[in-house]
N, C-alpha and C. Protein backbone atom coordinates (compact mmCIF):
# COMPACT_ATOMS: atom_id res chain seq x y z
N MET A 1 -24.34 6.85 70.82
CA MET A 1 -23.78 7.14 69.51
C MET A 1 -22.60 8.12 69.62
N ALA A 2 -22.78 9.15 70.45
CA ALA A 2 -21.72 10.14 70.61
C ALA A 2 -20.48 9.52 71.25
N CYS A 3 -20.70 8.58 72.16
CA CYS A 3 -19.58 7.90 72.83
C CYS A 3 -18.76 7.10 71.81
N LEU A 4 -19.43 6.45 70.89
CA LEU A 4 -18.75 5.68 69.86
C LEU A 4 -17.92 6.60 68.96
N LEU A 5 -18.47 7.77 68.62
CA LEU A 5 -17.76 8.74 67.79
C LEU A 5 -16.51 9.25 68.50
N TYR A 6 -16.62 9.57 69.79
CA TYR A 6 -15.47 10.04 70.56
C TYR A 6 -14.38 8.97 70.65
N THR A 7 -14.78 7.74 70.82
CA THR A 7 -13.82 6.63 70.88
C THR A 7 -13.08 6.49 69.56
N GLN A 8 -13.81 6.58 68.46
CA GLN A 8 -13.17 6.47 67.15
C GLN A 8 -12.22 7.63 66.90
N LEU A 9 -12.62 8.84 67.28
CA LEU A 9 -11.73 10.00 67.12
C LEU A 9 -10.47 9.86 67.98
N PHE A 10 -10.65 9.37 69.20
CA PHE A 10 -9.50 9.17 70.08
C PHE A 10 -8.53 8.16 69.47
N LEU A 11 -9.04 7.05 68.97
CA LEU A 11 -8.19 6.04 68.34
C LEU A 11 -7.50 6.58 67.10
N LEU A 12 -8.22 7.36 66.30
CA LEU A 12 -7.64 7.96 65.10
C LEU A 12 -6.52 8.93 65.47
N ASN A 13 -6.74 9.77 66.48
CA ASN A 13 -5.70 10.71 66.92
C ASN A 13 -4.48 9.97 67.46
N THR A 14 -4.70 8.91 68.21
CA THR A 14 -3.59 8.11 68.74
C THR A 14 -2.78 7.50 67.60
N PHE A 15 -3.46 6.98 66.59
CA PHE A 15 -2.79 6.38 65.45
C PHE A 15 -1.97 7.43 64.69
N ILE A 16 -2.52 8.60 64.47
CA ILE A 16 -1.81 9.68 63.76
C ILE A 16 -0.58 10.13 64.57
N LEU A 17 -0.73 10.25 65.87
CA LEU A 17 0.40 10.63 66.71
C LEU A 17 1.51 9.57 66.62
N PHE A 18 1.14 8.31 66.66
CA PHE A 18 2.12 7.22 66.53
C PHE A 18 2.85 7.31 65.20
N LEU A 19 2.13 7.54 64.12
CA LEU A 19 2.76 7.66 62.80
C LEU A 19 3.73 8.83 62.75
N ASN A 20 3.33 9.95 63.32
CA ASN A 20 4.21 11.13 63.32
C ASN A 20 5.50 10.85 64.09
N LEU A 21 5.39 10.20 65.24
CA LEU A 21 6.58 9.93 66.04
C LEU A 21 7.49 8.91 65.39
N SER A 22 6.92 7.95 64.70
CA SER A 22 7.77 6.90 64.13
C SER A 22 8.30 7.24 62.75
N LEU A 23 7.64 8.12 62.02
CA LEU A 23 8.08 8.43 60.66
C LEU A 23 8.83 9.74 60.54
N ASN A 24 8.75 10.59 61.51
CA ASN A 24 9.41 11.89 61.44
C ASN A 24 10.77 11.81 62.12
N PRO A 25 11.88 11.91 61.36
CA PRO A 25 13.21 11.78 61.95
C PRO A 25 13.51 12.81 63.02
N VAL A 26 12.99 14.02 62.89
CA VAL A 26 13.27 15.05 63.89
C VAL A 26 12.66 14.66 65.22
N LEU A 27 11.40 14.25 65.22
CA LEU A 27 10.78 13.82 66.46
C LEU A 27 11.40 12.53 66.96
N GLY A 28 11.81 11.68 66.04
CA GLY A 28 12.48 10.45 66.43
C GLY A 28 13.78 10.72 67.15
N GLN A 29 14.51 11.76 66.72
CA GLN A 29 15.77 12.11 67.38
C GLN A 29 15.52 12.61 68.79
N ILE A 30 14.38 13.29 69.00
CA ILE A 30 14.07 13.77 70.34
C ILE A 30 13.91 12.59 71.29
N LEU A 31 13.38 11.48 70.78
CA LEU A 31 13.18 10.30 71.60
C LEU A 31 14.47 9.52 71.82
N ALA A 32 15.53 9.88 71.13
CA ALA A 32 16.80 9.16 71.27
C ALA A 32 17.44 9.51 72.60
N GLY A 33 18.25 8.59 73.09
CA GLY A 33 18.97 8.83 74.33
C GLY A 33 20.46 8.85 74.07
N ILE A 34 21.18 9.64 74.85
CA ILE A 34 22.64 9.70 74.73
C ILE A 34 23.23 9.08 75.99
N GLU A 35 24.09 8.09 75.77
CA GLU A 35 24.72 7.39 76.89
C GLU A 35 26.23 7.55 76.81
N LYS A 36 26.84 7.68 77.97
CA LYS A 36 28.31 7.72 78.02
C LYS A 36 28.82 6.34 77.61
N SER A 37 29.91 6.32 76.88
CA SER A 37 30.44 5.08 76.36
C SER A 37 31.95 5.07 76.56
N ILE A 38 32.60 4.02 76.03
CA ILE A 38 34.05 3.92 76.12
C ILE A 38 34.61 3.61 74.74
N ILE A 39 35.87 3.92 74.54
CA ILE A 39 36.52 3.72 73.24
C ILE A 39 36.63 2.23 72.92
N GLU A 40 36.59 1.38 73.94
CA GLU A 40 36.68 -0.07 73.72
C GLU A 40 35.38 -0.67 73.23
N GLU A 41 34.30 0.12 73.20
CA GLU A 41 33.02 -0.39 72.71
C GLU A 41 33.18 -0.86 71.26
N GLU A 42 32.43 -1.88 70.91
CA GLU A 42 32.52 -2.44 69.56
C GLU A 42 32.28 -1.37 68.50
N GLY A 43 33.23 -1.22 67.60
CA GLY A 43 33.12 -0.29 66.49
C GLY A 43 33.59 1.12 66.79
N ALA A 44 33.82 1.45 68.07
CA ALA A 44 34.17 2.82 68.43
C ALA A 44 35.54 3.23 67.90
N LEU A 45 36.54 2.39 68.08
CA LEU A 45 37.89 2.73 67.62
C LEU A 45 37.93 2.84 66.11
N GLU A 46 37.26 1.94 65.43
CA GLU A 46 37.19 1.99 63.97
C GLU A 46 36.50 3.28 63.51
N ALA A 47 35.43 3.66 64.19
CA ALA A 47 34.71 4.89 63.84
C ALA A 47 35.58 6.12 64.07
N LEU A 48 36.32 6.15 65.18
CA LEU A 48 37.20 7.29 65.46
C LEU A 48 38.33 7.37 64.44
N ASN A 49 38.92 6.23 64.10
CA ASN A 49 39.98 6.22 63.09
C ASN A 49 39.46 6.72 61.75
N PHE A 50 38.23 6.34 61.41
CA PHE A 50 37.62 6.82 60.17
C PHE A 50 37.44 8.33 60.21
N ALA A 51 36.95 8.86 61.33
CA ALA A 51 36.73 10.30 61.46
C ALA A 51 38.05 11.07 61.33
N VAL A 52 39.11 10.58 61.97
CA VAL A 52 40.41 11.25 61.89
C VAL A 52 40.97 11.16 60.48
N SER A 53 40.78 10.03 59.83
CA SER A 53 41.22 9.87 58.45
C SER A 53 40.51 10.87 57.53
N GLU A 54 39.21 11.02 57.72
CA GLU A 54 38.44 12.00 56.93
C GLU A 54 38.92 13.42 57.23
N TYR A 55 39.19 13.70 58.50
CA TYR A 55 39.70 15.01 58.89
C TYR A 55 41.02 15.30 58.17
N ASN A 56 41.94 14.34 58.20
CA ASN A 56 43.24 14.51 57.54
C ASN A 56 43.09 14.68 56.04
N GLU A 57 42.18 13.94 55.45
CA GLU A 57 41.98 14.01 54.00
C GLU A 57 41.39 15.35 53.56
N ASN A 58 40.55 15.94 54.40
CA ASN A 58 39.82 17.14 53.99
C ASN A 58 40.44 18.46 54.45
N ASN A 59 41.46 18.42 55.32
CA ASN A 59 42.06 19.70 55.70
C ASN A 59 43.23 20.02 54.78
N SER A 60 43.66 21.26 54.80
CA SER A 60 44.69 21.71 53.85
C SER A 60 46.10 21.63 54.43
N ASP A 61 46.24 21.08 55.61
CA ASP A 61 47.55 20.98 56.25
C ASP A 61 48.44 19.99 55.50
N LEU A 62 49.74 20.23 55.50
CA LEU A 62 50.70 19.32 54.86
C LEU A 62 50.99 18.09 55.72
N TYR A 63 50.79 18.23 57.04
CA TYR A 63 51.12 17.17 57.98
C TYR A 63 49.86 16.47 58.48
N LEU A 64 50.02 15.20 58.80
CA LEU A 64 48.91 14.44 59.36
C LEU A 64 48.69 14.80 60.82
N SER A 65 47.47 14.66 61.26
CA SER A 65 47.14 14.80 62.67
C SER A 65 46.73 13.43 63.19
N ARG A 66 46.94 13.23 64.50
CA ARG A 66 46.48 11.99 65.12
C ARG A 66 45.94 12.29 66.51
N VAL A 67 45.22 11.33 67.05
CA VAL A 67 44.59 11.51 68.36
C VAL A 67 45.66 11.51 69.44
N VAL A 68 45.64 12.57 70.26
CA VAL A 68 46.52 12.67 71.41
C VAL A 68 45.78 12.19 72.66
N GLU A 69 44.49 12.56 72.74
CA GLU A 69 43.70 12.20 73.92
C GLU A 69 42.23 12.10 73.53
N VAL A 70 41.57 11.06 74.03
CA VAL A 70 40.12 10.92 73.86
C VAL A 70 39.48 11.47 75.12
N LYS A 71 38.72 12.56 74.97
CA LYS A 71 38.06 13.19 76.11
C LYS A 71 36.78 12.46 76.48
N THR A 72 35.86 12.31 75.52
CA THR A 72 34.60 11.61 75.78
C THR A 72 34.17 10.81 74.56
N VAL A 73 33.45 9.74 74.84
CA VAL A 73 32.79 8.94 73.81
C VAL A 73 31.36 8.74 74.29
N LYS A 74 30.41 9.03 73.41
CA LYS A 74 28.99 8.86 73.76
C LYS A 74 28.30 8.11 72.63
N THR A 75 27.31 7.33 73.00
CA THR A 75 26.51 6.59 72.03
C THR A 75 25.11 7.17 72.02
N VAL A 76 24.60 7.44 70.82
CA VAL A 76 23.22 7.92 70.67
C VAL A 76 22.37 6.70 70.33
N GLN A 77 21.45 6.37 71.22
CA GLN A 77 20.52 5.27 70.97
C GLN A 77 19.34 5.84 70.19
N GLN A 78 19.14 5.36 68.99
CA GLN A 78 18.11 5.92 68.12
C GLN A 78 16.93 4.99 67.99
N GLN A 79 15.75 5.58 67.92
CA GLN A 79 14.51 4.83 67.78
C GLN A 79 14.23 4.47 66.33
N ILE A 80 14.64 5.33 65.41
CA ILE A 80 14.24 5.20 64.01
C ILE A 80 15.28 4.46 63.18
N GLU A 81 16.49 4.95 63.16
CA GLU A 81 17.52 4.42 62.27
C GLU A 81 18.14 3.15 62.83
N ALA A 82 18.48 2.24 61.93
CA ALA A 82 19.21 1.04 62.34
C ALA A 82 20.67 1.41 62.50
N GLY A 83 21.29 0.89 63.52
CA GLY A 83 22.68 1.21 63.77
C GLY A 83 22.81 2.13 64.96
N LYS A 84 24.00 2.70 65.09
CA LYS A 84 24.21 3.62 66.21
C LYS A 84 25.07 4.78 65.75
N THR A 85 24.95 5.86 66.48
CA THR A 85 25.75 7.05 66.23
C THR A 85 26.65 7.27 67.43
N LEU A 86 27.93 7.49 67.16
CA LEU A 86 28.90 7.74 68.22
C LEU A 86 29.35 9.19 68.16
N LEU A 87 29.48 9.80 69.33
CA LEU A 87 29.96 11.18 69.46
C LEU A 87 31.32 11.14 70.15
N PHE A 88 32.31 11.74 69.53
CA PHE A 88 33.66 11.75 70.07
C PHE A 88 34.10 13.19 70.33
N ASP A 89 34.71 13.43 71.48
CA ASP A 89 35.43 14.67 71.76
C ASP A 89 36.88 14.27 71.98
N VAL A 90 37.77 14.76 71.10
CA VAL A 90 39.17 14.34 71.15
C VAL A 90 40.10 15.53 70.97
N ILE A 91 41.35 15.34 71.37
CA ILE A 91 42.41 16.31 71.11
C ILE A 91 43.28 15.70 70.01
N LEU A 92 43.48 16.46 68.94
CA LEU A 92 44.36 16.03 67.85
C LEU A 92 45.65 16.82 67.91
N GLY A 93 46.75 16.15 67.59
CA GLY A 93 48.05 16.81 67.50
C GLY A 93 48.66 16.58 66.14
N LYS A 94 49.46 17.53 65.68
CA LYS A 94 50.14 17.41 64.39
C LYS A 94 51.32 16.44 64.53
N THR A 95 51.50 15.62 63.51
CA THR A 95 52.62 14.68 63.51
C THR A 95 53.75 15.24 62.65
N ALA A 96 54.86 14.51 62.65
CA ALA A 96 56.00 14.88 61.81
C ALA A 96 55.87 14.29 60.42
N CYS A 97 54.80 13.56 60.14
CA CYS A 97 54.63 12.87 58.86
C CYS A 97 53.86 13.74 57.86
N LEU A 98 54.44 13.87 56.69
CA LEU A 98 53.74 14.53 55.60
C LEU A 98 52.65 13.60 55.06
N LYS A 99 51.60 14.18 54.52
CA LYS A 99 50.52 13.38 53.95
C LYS A 99 50.99 12.56 52.75
N THR A 100 52.08 12.97 52.13
CA THR A 100 52.55 12.31 50.91
C THR A 100 53.45 11.10 51.18
N GLN A 101 53.83 10.88 52.44
CA GLN A 101 54.72 9.76 52.76
C GLN A 101 54.03 8.43 52.51
N ASP A 102 54.85 7.41 52.20
CA ASP A 102 54.30 6.08 51.92
C ASP A 102 53.84 5.37 53.19
N ASP A 103 54.68 5.34 54.22
CA ASP A 103 54.35 4.61 55.44
C ASP A 103 53.92 5.59 56.52
N LEU A 104 52.63 5.61 56.81
CA LEU A 104 52.09 6.54 57.78
C LEU A 104 51.70 5.85 59.08
N SER A 105 52.07 4.58 59.22
CA SER A 105 51.62 3.81 60.38
C SER A 105 52.27 4.26 61.69
N ASP A 106 53.49 4.78 61.64
CA ASP A 106 54.19 5.18 62.86
C ASP A 106 54.62 6.64 62.73
N CYS A 107 53.70 7.54 63.00
CA CYS A 107 53.97 8.97 62.87
C CYS A 107 54.08 9.60 64.25
N PRO A 108 55.29 10.01 64.66
CA PRO A 108 55.43 10.66 65.97
C PRO A 108 54.88 12.08 65.94
N LEU A 109 54.44 12.54 67.09
CA LEU A 109 53.99 13.92 67.20
C LEU A 109 55.18 14.85 67.07
N ASN A 110 54.93 16.06 66.59
CA ASN A 110 55.98 17.07 66.50
C ASN A 110 56.51 17.38 67.88
N GLU A 111 57.78 17.63 67.98
CA GLU A 111 58.41 18.00 69.25
C GLU A 111 58.88 19.44 69.16
N PRO A 112 59.05 20.17 70.20
CA PRO A 112 58.72 19.86 71.58
C PRO A 112 57.21 19.96 71.84
N THR A 113 56.79 19.32 72.90
CA THR A 113 55.36 19.19 73.21
C THR A 113 54.67 20.53 73.38
N ASP A 114 55.33 21.49 74.03
CA ASP A 114 54.68 22.77 74.29
C ASP A 114 54.48 23.61 73.03
N LEU A 115 55.14 23.26 71.94
CA LEU A 115 54.98 23.99 70.68
C LEU A 115 54.07 23.27 69.68
N GLN A 116 53.55 22.13 70.07
CA GLN A 116 52.69 21.38 69.17
C GLN A 116 51.38 22.12 68.91
N GLU A 117 50.95 22.05 67.66
CA GLU A 117 49.64 22.57 67.33
C GLU A 117 48.62 21.51 67.69
N ARG A 118 47.65 21.90 68.49
CA ARG A 118 46.62 20.95 68.91
C ARG A 118 45.25 21.53 68.60
N GLU A 119 44.32 20.61 68.36
CA GLU A 119 42.94 21.00 68.09
C GLU A 119 42.00 20.13 68.92
N PHE A 120 40.94 20.77 69.40
CA PHE A 120 39.87 20.04 70.06
C PHE A 120 38.82 19.76 68.99
N CYS A 121 38.50 18.50 68.77
CA CYS A 121 37.56 18.12 67.72
C CYS A 121 36.40 17.32 68.28
N SER A 122 35.23 17.59 67.73
CA SER A 122 34.03 16.80 68.01
C SER A 122 33.61 16.14 66.71
N PHE A 123 33.51 14.83 66.74
CA PHE A 123 33.10 14.05 65.57
C PHE A 123 31.80 13.33 65.89
N GLU A 124 30.91 13.29 64.90
CA GLU A 124 29.68 12.50 64.99
C GLU A 124 29.72 11.48 63.86
N VAL A 125 29.75 10.20 64.23
CA VAL A 125 29.94 9.12 63.26
C VAL A 125 28.78 8.14 63.38
N HIS A 126 28.20 7.78 62.23
CA HIS A 126 27.10 6.80 62.22
C HIS A 126 27.60 5.46 61.71
N LEU A 127 27.27 4.41 62.44
CA LEU A 127 27.61 3.03 62.07
C LEU A 127 26.31 2.29 61.78
N PRO A 128 25.93 2.14 60.51
CA PRO A 128 24.68 1.43 60.21
C PRO A 128 24.83 -0.07 60.46
N ASP A 129 23.73 -0.72 60.87
CA ASP A 129 23.74 -2.16 61.11
C ASP A 129 23.84 -2.96 59.82
N TRP A 130 23.27 -2.43 58.77
CA TRP A 130 23.07 -3.19 57.54
C TRP A 130 24.19 -3.07 56.53
N ALA A 131 25.21 -2.29 56.79
CA ALA A 131 26.28 -2.10 55.80
C ALA A 131 27.61 -1.94 56.52
N ASN A 132 28.67 -2.13 55.77
CA ASN A 132 30.01 -1.92 56.32
C ASN A 132 30.48 -0.50 56.07
N ALA A 133 29.57 0.40 55.80
CA ALA A 133 29.92 1.79 55.52
C ALA A 133 29.83 2.60 56.81
N ILE A 134 30.85 3.40 57.05
CA ILE A 134 30.84 4.33 58.19
C ILE A 134 30.62 5.71 57.62
N ASN A 135 29.77 6.50 58.27
CA ASN A 135 29.45 7.84 57.78
C ASN A 135 29.85 8.88 58.81
N LEU A 136 30.65 9.85 58.38
CA LEU A 136 30.99 10.98 59.24
C LEU A 136 29.89 12.02 59.05
N LEU A 137 29.07 12.21 60.09
CA LEU A 137 27.93 13.13 60.00
C LEU A 137 28.34 14.57 60.25
N SER A 138 29.27 14.78 61.18
CA SER A 138 29.74 16.15 61.43
C SER A 138 31.13 16.11 62.05
N SER A 139 31.84 17.20 61.82
CA SER A 139 33.20 17.34 62.31
C SER A 139 33.44 18.82 62.62
N ILE A 140 33.73 19.13 63.87
CA ILE A 140 34.00 20.51 64.27
C ILE A 140 35.30 20.52 65.05
N CYS A 141 36.26 21.33 64.60
CA CYS A 141 37.57 21.40 65.26
C CYS A 141 37.95 22.85 65.51
N ASN A 142 38.56 23.09 66.66
CA ASN A 142 39.05 24.41 67.03
C ASN A 142 40.44 24.29 67.63
N ARG A 143 41.31 25.21 67.27
CA ARG A 143 42.67 25.22 67.85
C ARG A 143 42.60 25.53 69.34
N ILE A 144 43.48 24.86 70.07
CA ILE A 144 43.54 25.13 71.52
C ILE A 144 44.96 25.50 71.90
């Protein structure tokens, strides 16, 4: 009889542990893996462009910034959420284009190069599988 009780308690504890790991986003994130990736990965360039667009929209600068160099791209493989999260480390440089200009497709960087204002930025972007919406989860930039 005692053996049956212990077996039932063990199964109940295993079930509760499984529920906690699958339903708790914090524990689910611990189980996620981070893999090095490339900018050519599907959706990566679009996600980076979205992050830079959000950066330009939300900062108080008069001039647009654009990517000068992509340092790293990483993919977070998640157990819980559908989709993927991309982590970008990039260098942004100020362009000669004002935010108010009509055609922003060809904005050269400010010259001379040694006087350019540059920032090192880390962006975290989520690409859900089920929607065409891209979400900027975090953005941290520091002047360099």
